[in-house]
Amino acid sequence: MPEDTTTEELREMKEKVNLTYKRVREKKERESKRITYLIIILIVSIILSVIFAARDISESEPAVYRYIPNIFGILLLISIFGIMYYSV
């Protein structure tokens, strides 16, 4: 009978290790997806901030258009810090 308990204990330990391995793998997959999304946001925000910064804003356009490059610059900074956070 003691052999059965050790076999069961080994089986339980193996299940715990498998669950832990699965959790670690899922966490790495989620982090890699986050980094991918942040890189996409980084590229899009660079492109849009350059486009909007290069536009000549006339007096007839609303003042909000002057702040659009700043908004994309903030997105750029957020994505850079996010990439640094999740890549470490």
N, C-alpha and C. Protein backbone atom coordinates (compact mmCIF):
# COMPACT_ATOMS: atom_id res chain seq x y z
N MET A 1 0.80 -1.22 0.00
CA MET A 1 0.00 0.00 0.00
C MET A 1 0.84 1.28 0.00
N PRO A 2 1.96 1.36 0.69
CA PRO A 2 2.74 2.60 0.65
C PRO A 2 3.21 2.95 -0.77
N GLU A 3 3.40 1.94 -1.62
CA GLU A 3 3.81 2.21 -2.98
C GLU A 3 2.74 2.99 -3.74
N ASP A 4 1.48 2.68 -3.45
CA ASP A 4 0.39 3.39 -4.12
C ASP A 4 0.39 4.88 -3.74
N THR A 5 0.63 5.17 -2.48
CA THR A 5 0.61 6.57 -2.06
C THR A 5 1.78 7.33 -2.71
N THR A 6 2.93 6.71 -2.81
CA THR A 6 4.05 7.42 -3.44
C THR A 6 3.77 7.63 -4.93
N THR A 7 3.15 6.64 -5.55
CA THR A 7 2.80 6.80 -6.96
C THR A 7 1.80 7.93 -7.13
N GLU A 8 0.83 8.00 -6.25
CA GLU A 8 -0.15 9.08 -6.32
C GLU A 8 0.50 10.43 -6.05
N GLU A 9 1.42 10.45 -5.08
CA GLU A 9 2.12 11.70 -4.79
C GLU A 9 2.95 12.15 -5.99
N LEU A 10 3.61 11.22 -6.63
CA LEU A 10 4.39 11.55 -7.82
C LEU A 10 3.49 12.06 -8.94
N ARG A 11 2.34 11.44 -9.09
CA ARG A 11 1.40 11.87 -10.11
C ARG A 11 0.90 13.28 -9.82
N GLU A 12 0.60 13.57 -8.55
CA GLU A 12 0.15 14.91 -8.17
C GLU A 12 1.25 15.94 -8.41
N MET A 13 2.49 15.60 -8.08
CA MET A 13 3.60 16.51 -8.30
C MET A 13 3.80 16.76 -9.79
N LYS A 14 3.65 15.72 -10.59
CA LYS A 14 3.79 15.87 -12.04
C LYS A 14 2.71 16.79 -12.59
N GLU A 15 1.49 16.65 -12.10
CA GLU A 15 0.40 17.53 -12.54
C GLU A 15 0.67 18.98 -12.15
N LYS A 16 1.20 19.20 -10.93
CA LYS A 16 1.52 20.55 -10.50
C LYS A 16 2.60 21.17 -11.39
N VAL A 17 3.62 20.36 -11.73
CA VAL A 17 4.70 20.86 -12.59
C VAL A 17 4.15 21.19 -13.97
N ASN A 18 3.29 20.35 -14.49
CA ASN A 18 2.70 20.61 -15.81
C ASN A 18 1.85 21.88 -15.80
N LEU A 19 1.08 22.09 -14.73
CA LEU A 19 0.28 23.30 -14.62
C LEU A 19 1.17 24.54 -14.53
N THR A 20 2.24 24.43 -13.75
CA THR A 20 3.15 25.56 -13.63
C THR A 20 3.80 25.86 -14.96
N TYR A 21 4.23 24.85 -15.68
CA TYR A 21 4.85 25.03 -16.99
C TYR A 21 3.86 25.68 -17.96
N LYS A 22 2.61 25.22 -17.90
CA LYS A 22 1.58 25.78 -18.78
C LYS A 22 1.34 27.25 -18.47
N ARG A 23 1.31 27.61 -17.18
CA ARG A 23 1.09 29.00 -16.79
C ARG A 23 2.25 29.89 -17.26
N VAL A 24 3.47 29.40 -17.10
CA VAL A 24 4.64 30.17 -17.53
C VAL A 24 4.62 30.37 -19.04
N ARG A 25 4.28 29.34 -19.78
CA ARG A 25 4.22 29.43 -21.23
C ARG A 25 3.14 30.41 -21.67
N GLU A 26 1.96 30.36 -21.03
CA GLU A 26 0.89 31.29 -21.37
C GLU A 26 1.28 32.73 -21.04
N LYS A 27 1.98 32.92 -19.92
CA LYS A 27 2.41 34.26 -19.55
C LYS A 27 3.39 34.81 -20.58
N LYS A 28 4.32 34.00 -21.05
CA LYS A 28 5.27 34.44 -22.06
C LYS A 28 4.57 34.77 -23.37
N GLU A 29 3.57 33.98 -23.74
CA GLU A 29 2.81 34.25 -24.97
C GLU A 29 2.06 35.58 -24.85
N ARG A 30 1.45 35.84 -23.69
CA ARG A 30 0.73 37.10 -23.50
C ARG A 30 1.70 38.28 -23.58
N GLU A 31 2.87 38.15 -22.96
CA GLU A 31 3.83 39.24 -23.00
C GLU A 31 4.35 39.47 -24.41
N SER A 32 4.55 38.41 -25.18
CA SER A 32 5.03 38.60 -26.55
C SER A 32 3.95 39.28 -27.40
N LYS A 33 2.67 38.96 -27.14
CA LYS A 33 1.59 39.64 -27.85
C LYS A 33 1.54 41.11 -27.48
N ARG A 34 1.74 41.42 -26.19
CA ARG A 34 1.73 42.81 -25.76
C ARG A 34 2.85 43.59 -26.42
N ILE A 35 4.03 42.99 -26.48
CA ILE A 35 5.16 43.66 -27.12
C ILE A 35 4.87 43.90 -28.59
N THR A 36 4.26 42.91 -29.25
CA THR A 36 3.92 43.08 -30.67
C THR A 36 2.93 44.23 -30.86
N TYR A 37 1.91 44.29 -30.02
CA TYR A 37 0.93 45.38 -30.12
C TYR A 37 1.59 46.73 -29.85
N LEU A 38 2.48 46.78 -28.88
CA LEU A 38 3.16 48.03 -28.57
C LEU A 38 4.07 48.48 -29.71
N ILE A 39 4.70 47.53 -30.37
CA ILE A 39 5.55 47.87 -31.52
C ILE A 39 4.68 48.41 -32.66
N ILE A 40 3.51 47.81 -32.87
CA ILE A 40 2.60 48.31 -33.91
C ILE A 40 2.15 49.73 -33.57
N ILE A 41 1.79 49.97 -32.31
CA ILE A 41 1.38 51.32 -31.89
C ILE A 41 2.53 52.29 -32.07
N LEU A 42 3.74 51.86 -31.76
CA LEU A 42 4.92 52.70 -31.92
C LEU A 42 5.10 53.13 -33.37
N ILE A 43 5.04 52.18 -34.28
CA ILE A 43 5.23 52.48 -35.70
C ILE A 43 4.12 53.41 -36.23
N VAL A 44 2.88 53.09 -35.88
CA VAL A 44 1.75 53.90 -36.35
C VAL A 44 1.83 55.31 -35.78
N SER A 45 2.19 55.42 -34.50
CA SER A 45 2.26 56.77 -33.91
C SER A 45 3.40 57.58 -34.50
N ILE A 46 4.52 56.94 -34.84
CA ILE A 46 5.61 57.67 -35.51
C ILE A 46 5.14 58.19 -36.86
N ILE A 47 4.53 57.33 -37.63
CA ILE A 47 4.06 57.73 -38.97
C ILE A 47 3.04 58.85 -38.87
N LEU A 48 2.05 58.71 -38.01
CA LEU A 48 1.00 59.73 -37.91
C LEU A 48 1.52 61.04 -37.33
N SER A 49 2.44 60.96 -36.37
CA SER A 49 2.97 62.21 -35.81
C SER A 49 3.80 62.96 -36.85
N VAL A 50 4.54 62.24 -37.68
CA VAL A 50 5.31 62.90 -38.74
C VAL A 50 4.36 63.51 -39.77
N ILE A 51 3.32 62.79 -40.14
CA ILE A 51 2.36 63.32 -41.12
C ILE A 51 1.68 64.58 -40.60
N PHE A 52 1.20 64.52 -39.36
CA PHE A 52 0.49 65.68 -38.83
C PHE A 52 1.43 66.83 -38.50
N ALA A 53 2.66 66.54 -38.12
CA ALA A 53 3.61 67.61 -37.84
C ALA A 53 4.05 68.31 -39.12
N ALA A 54 4.06 67.59 -40.23
CA ALA A 54 4.49 68.17 -41.50
C ALA A 54 3.40 69.01 -42.16
N ARG A 55 2.17 68.85 -41.71
CA ARG A 55 1.07 69.63 -42.30
C ARG A 55 1.20 71.08 -41.92
N ASP A 56 0.84 71.93 -42.85
CA ASP A 56 0.81 73.36 -42.58
C ASP A 56 -0.60 73.69 -42.08
N ILE A 57 -0.68 74.06 -40.82
CA ILE A 57 -1.98 74.33 -40.22
C ILE A 57 -2.33 75.80 -40.43
N SER A 58 -3.44 76.00 -41.10
CA SER A 58 -3.85 77.38 -41.38
C SER A 58 -4.68 77.90 -40.22
N GLU A 59 -4.99 79.18 -40.28
CA GLU A 59 -5.76 79.82 -39.21
C GLU A 59 -7.21 79.38 -39.20
N SER A 60 -7.72 78.92 -40.35
CA SER A 60 -9.14 78.56 -40.42
C SER A 60 -9.43 77.21 -39.79
N GLU A 61 -8.41 76.37 -39.62
CA GLU A 61 -8.62 75.05 -39.02
C GLU A 61 -8.71 75.19 -37.50
N PRO A 62 -9.45 74.29 -36.87
CA PRO A 62 -9.58 74.36 -35.41
C PRO A 62 -8.22 74.19 -34.72
N ALA A 63 -8.12 74.72 -33.52
CA ALA A 63 -6.86 74.67 -32.77
C ALA A 63 -6.51 73.26 -32.32
N VAL A 64 -7.48 72.37 -32.34
CA VAL A 64 -7.24 70.99 -31.90
C VAL A 64 -6.20 70.32 -32.80
N TYR A 65 -6.18 70.71 -34.07
CA TYR A 65 -5.24 70.09 -35.00
C TYR A 65 -3.79 70.36 -34.62
N ARG A 66 -3.55 71.42 -33.87
CA ARG A 66 -2.18 71.72 -33.43
C ARG A 66 -1.71 70.71 -32.38
N TYR A 67 -2.63 70.11 -31.67
CA TYR A 67 -2.27 69.21 -30.59
C TYR A 67 -2.20 67.74 -31.02
N ILE A 68 -2.60 67.44 -32.23
CA ILE A 68 -2.60 66.05 -32.69
C ILE A 68 -1.20 65.45 -32.69
N PRO A 69 -0.16 66.15 -33.18
CA PRO A 69 1.18 65.56 -33.09
C PRO A 69 1.61 65.28 -31.65
N ASN A 70 1.18 66.12 -30.71
CA ASN A 70 1.52 65.88 -29.31
C ASN A 70 0.86 64.61 -28.79
N ILE A 71 -0.37 64.38 -29.21
CA ILE A 71 -1.07 63.17 -28.79
C ILE A 71 -0.34 61.92 -29.29
N PHE A 72 0.08 61.96 -30.56
CA PHE A 72 0.81 60.82 -31.09
C PHE A 72 2.19 60.70 -30.45
N GLY A 73 2.78 61.80 -30.05
CA GLY A 73 4.05 61.76 -29.33
C GLY A 73 3.90 61.10 -27.97
N ILE A 74 2.78 61.38 -27.31
CA ILE A 74 2.52 60.73 -26.02
C ILE A 74 2.31 59.23 -26.21
N LEU A 75 1.57 58.84 -27.25
CA LEU A 75 1.41 57.42 -27.56
C LEU A 75 2.75 56.77 -27.84
N LEU A 76 3.62 57.50 -28.52
CA LEU A 76 4.95 57.00 -28.83
C LEU A 76 5.72 56.72 -27.54
N LEU A 77 5.69 57.67 -26.61
CA LEU A 77 6.39 57.47 -25.34
C LEU A 77 5.81 56.32 -24.54
N ILE A 78 4.49 56.23 -24.52
CA ILE A 78 3.84 55.14 -23.78
C ILE A 78 4.25 53.79 -24.37
N SER A 79 4.26 53.69 -25.69
CA SER A 79 4.62 52.41 -26.30
C SER A 79 6.09 52.08 -26.07
N ILE A 80 6.96 53.09 -26.09
CA ILE A 80 8.39 52.82 -25.82
C ILE A 80 8.58 52.31 -24.39
N PHE A 81 7.95 52.98 -23.43
CA PHE A 81 8.08 52.53 -22.04
C PHE A 81 7.42 51.17 -21.83
N GLY A 82 6.32 50.91 -22.52
CA GLY A 82 5.68 49.60 -22.42
C GLY A 82 6.56 48.50 -22.97
N ILE A 83 7.21 48.76 -24.10
CA ILE A 83 8.12 47.77 -24.67
C ILE A 83 9.28 47.51 -23.71
N MET A 84 9.81 48.57 -23.13
CA MET A 84 10.91 48.39 -22.17
C MET A 84 10.45 47.61 -20.95
N TYR A 85 9.23 47.87 -20.48
CA TYR A 85 8.71 47.19 -19.30
C TYR A 85 8.50 45.70 -19.55
N TYR A 86 7.89 45.36 -20.68
CA TYR A 86 7.56 43.96 -20.94
C TYR A 86 8.73 43.16 -21.52
N SER A 87 9.77 43.84 -22.01
CA SER A 87 10.89 43.08 -22.56
C SER A 87 11.90 42.68 -21.49
N VAL A 88 11.81 43.28 -20.30
CA VAL A 88 12.76 42.94 -19.23
C VAL A 88 12.27 41.74 -18.47
